Structure formats: structure tokens, C-alpha cells
Amino acid sequence: MALIAQVTDVVENALSRFSEHITYVEVHLSDENSDKKGGHDDMRCMLEPRLEGRPAIAVTHQATTLDEAVDGAVDKLANLIENALERQHDQEFRRTDPSVPEPKFKEPS
């Protein structure tokens, strides 16, 4: 239970600035070499957020420790969300709908 609380706290704190865009985040933790002793980068964290009005995305980070794996995945996810929201804002800002031409009236002769 302590691990769940710790990971939840890290994810919520890192992504709090995007909370209005995130409906929830799934966290998957694994030991890629659990059947072997040791090894580099064998702890894996995958984060799958659900963002309003967007297709599903996921990020993964592997590291030597679980803390490093979670921190790395959270950093990747924060960057991904920030870039996506900036692109969306830029597209909305640059969007120009074609103007409707004004009707031409002939003056009576």
C-alpha cells in the first residue's frame, strides 16, 4: 500500500497542472528481469493517461530503480501532454476560417 500511495503522489504532483485535461491515469509497474538476478534498467513504469477528446497515449521508462522508472515516465508524460496542448493552442490560434464574401447588389438604374 505504501508503494501505491508513493507512486500516486508522484504522478498527481507532476501532472497537477494538466488536471483539467486528464480524466485518469493508469500506472503499470514491472520488473523486466524478475526471473534473473539484477541487471540494468530492469524496472519499468508505463503510464497511460486518458485526455479529454484525444486518443489514448502511453509512455514507458525503464531504469535501475523503481523510483527512477516512475520519475522518468512522469517527466516524459508531462512533456508529451505539454507539447500536445501547445500544438492544439497554436492550431486554434492560427485557424482562419474562410471569410464569406459579401453579396453583390446591383443598384437600380
Protein backbone atom coordinates (compact mmCIF):
# COMPACT_ATOMS: atom_id res chain seq x y z
CA MET A 1 0.00 0.00 0.00
CA ALA A 2 2.89 2.39 0.67
CA LEU A 3 4.14 1.91 -2.89
CA ILE A 4 0.71 2.76 -4.33
CA ALA A 5 0.48 5.91 -2.21
CA GLN A 6 4.01 6.98 -3.17
CA VAL A 7 3.51 6.46 -6.91
CA THR A 8 0.09 8.13 -6.80
CA ASP A 9 1.60 11.15 -5.05
CA VAL A 10 4.43 11.47 -7.58
CA VAL A 11 2.08 11.19 -10.58
CA GLU A 12 -0.53 13.59 -9.16
CA ASN A 13 2.05 16.22 -8.22
CA ALA A 14 3.84 16.08 -11.56
CA LEU A 15 0.65 16.25 -13.63
CA SER A 16 -1.44 18.58 -11.47
CA ARG A 17 -1.05 21.49 -13.91
CA PHE A 18 -2.80 19.37 -16.56
CA SER A 19 -5.56 18.06 -14.27
CA GLU A 20 -8.35 19.79 -16.19
CA HIS A 21 -7.38 17.82 -19.32
CA ILE A 22 -6.79 14.40 -17.72
CA THR A 23 -9.69 12.12 -16.80
CA TYR A 24 -7.47 9.43 -15.24
CA VAL A 25 -4.06 7.79 -15.43
CA GLU A 26 -3.28 4.08 -15.33
CA VAL A 27 0.11 3.11 -13.90
CA HIS A 28 1.77 -0.20 -14.74
CA LEU A 29 4.94 -1.18 -12.87
CA SER A 30 7.04 -4.22 -13.70
CA ASP A 31 10.39 -5.87 -13.15
CA GLU A 32 11.51 -6.88 -16.62
CA ASN A 33 14.16 -9.28 -15.32
CA SER A 34 12.26 -10.68 -12.35
CA ASP A 35 13.40 -14.20 -13.18
CA LYS A 36 17.09 -13.15 -13.14
CA LYS A 37 19.29 -11.54 -10.55
CA GLY A 38 20.00 -7.85 -11.05
CA GLY A 39 20.51 -6.15 -14.35
CA HIS A 40 20.48 -2.61 -15.61
CA ASP A 41 17.28 -0.81 -16.45
CA ASP A 42 15.08 -3.70 -15.44
CA MET A 43 12.42 -1.68 -13.61
CA ARG A 44 9.70 -0.40 -15.94
CA CYS A 45 6.93 2.16 -15.50
CA MET A 46 4.24 2.64 -18.11
CA LEU A 47 1.73 5.48 -17.76
CA GLU A 48 -1.49 5.56 -19.77
CA PRO A 49 -3.43 8.78 -19.33
CA ARG A 50 -6.83 9.50 -20.76
CA LEU A 51 -7.05 13.05 -22.05
CA GLU A 52 -10.38 14.63 -22.89
CA GLY A 53 -11.16 14.47 -26.57
CA ARG A 54 -7.91 12.77 -27.53
CA PRO A 55 -6.90 9.24 -28.47
CA ALA A 56 -5.17 7.10 -25.87
CA ILE A 57 -1.45 7.61 -25.36
CA ALA A 58 1.18 5.85 -23.28
CA VAL A 59 4.75 6.44 -22.18
CA THR A 60 7.26 3.98 -20.81
CA HIS A 61 10.51 4.42 -18.96
CA GLN A 62 12.97 1.77 -17.82
CA ALA A 63 15.57 2.38 -15.14
CA THR A 64 17.66 0.67 -12.49
CA THR A 65 15.27 1.56 -9.65
CA LEU A 66 11.52 1.81 -9.45
CA ASP A 67 11.73 5.44 -8.30
CA GLU A 68 13.83 6.35 -11.35
CA ALA A 69 11.44 4.50 -13.66
CA VAL A 70 8.42 6.36 -12.26
CA ASP A 71 10.18 9.74 -12.34
CA GLY A 72 11.35 9.18 -15.92
CA ALA A 73 7.90 8.13 -17.13
CA VAL A 74 6.25 11.09 -15.40
CA ASP A 75 8.73 13.50 -17.00
CA LYS A 76 8.09 12.01 -20.45
CA LEU A 77 4.35 12.20 -19.95
CA ALA A 78 4.41 15.80 -18.73
CA ASN A 79 6.46 16.81 -21.79
CA LEU A 80 4.15 14.90 -24.13
CA ILE A 81 1.00 16.49 -22.69
CA GLU A 82 2.54 19.97 -22.65
CA ASN A 83 3.59 19.68 -26.30
CA ALA A 84 0.18 18.33 -27.35
CA LEU A 85 -1.65 21.15 -25.60
CA GLU A 86 0.70 23.76 -27.09
CA ARG A 87 0.12 22.35 -30.59
CA GLN A 88 -3.63 22.42 -30.02
CA HIS A 89 -3.47 26.02 -28.80
CA ASP A 90 -1.32 27.05 -31.78
CA GLN A 91 -3.73 25.41 -34.21
CA GLU A 92 -6.71 27.14 -32.64
CA PHE A 93 -4.88 30.47 -32.62
CA ARG A 94 -3.76 30.19 -36.24
CA ARG A 95 -7.05 28.86 -37.53
CA THR A 96 -8.66 31.13 -40.00
CA ASP A 97 -12.00 30.24 -41.44
CA PRO A 98 -12.52 31.49 -44.94
CA SER A 99 -14.49 34.66 -44.91
CA VAL A 100 -17.87 34.65 -46.53
CA PRO A 101 -17.95 37.05 -49.45
CA GLU A 102 -20.46 39.81 -49.11
CA PRO A 103 -23.31 39.61 -51.58
CA LYS A 104 -23.05 41.97 -54.50
CA PHE A 105 -26.10 44.03 -55.17
CA LYS A 106 -26.71 45.98 -58.30
CA GLU A 107 -28.03 49.40 -57.79
CA PRO A 108 -31.24 50.02 -59.69
CA SER A 109 -30.73 52.06 -62.84
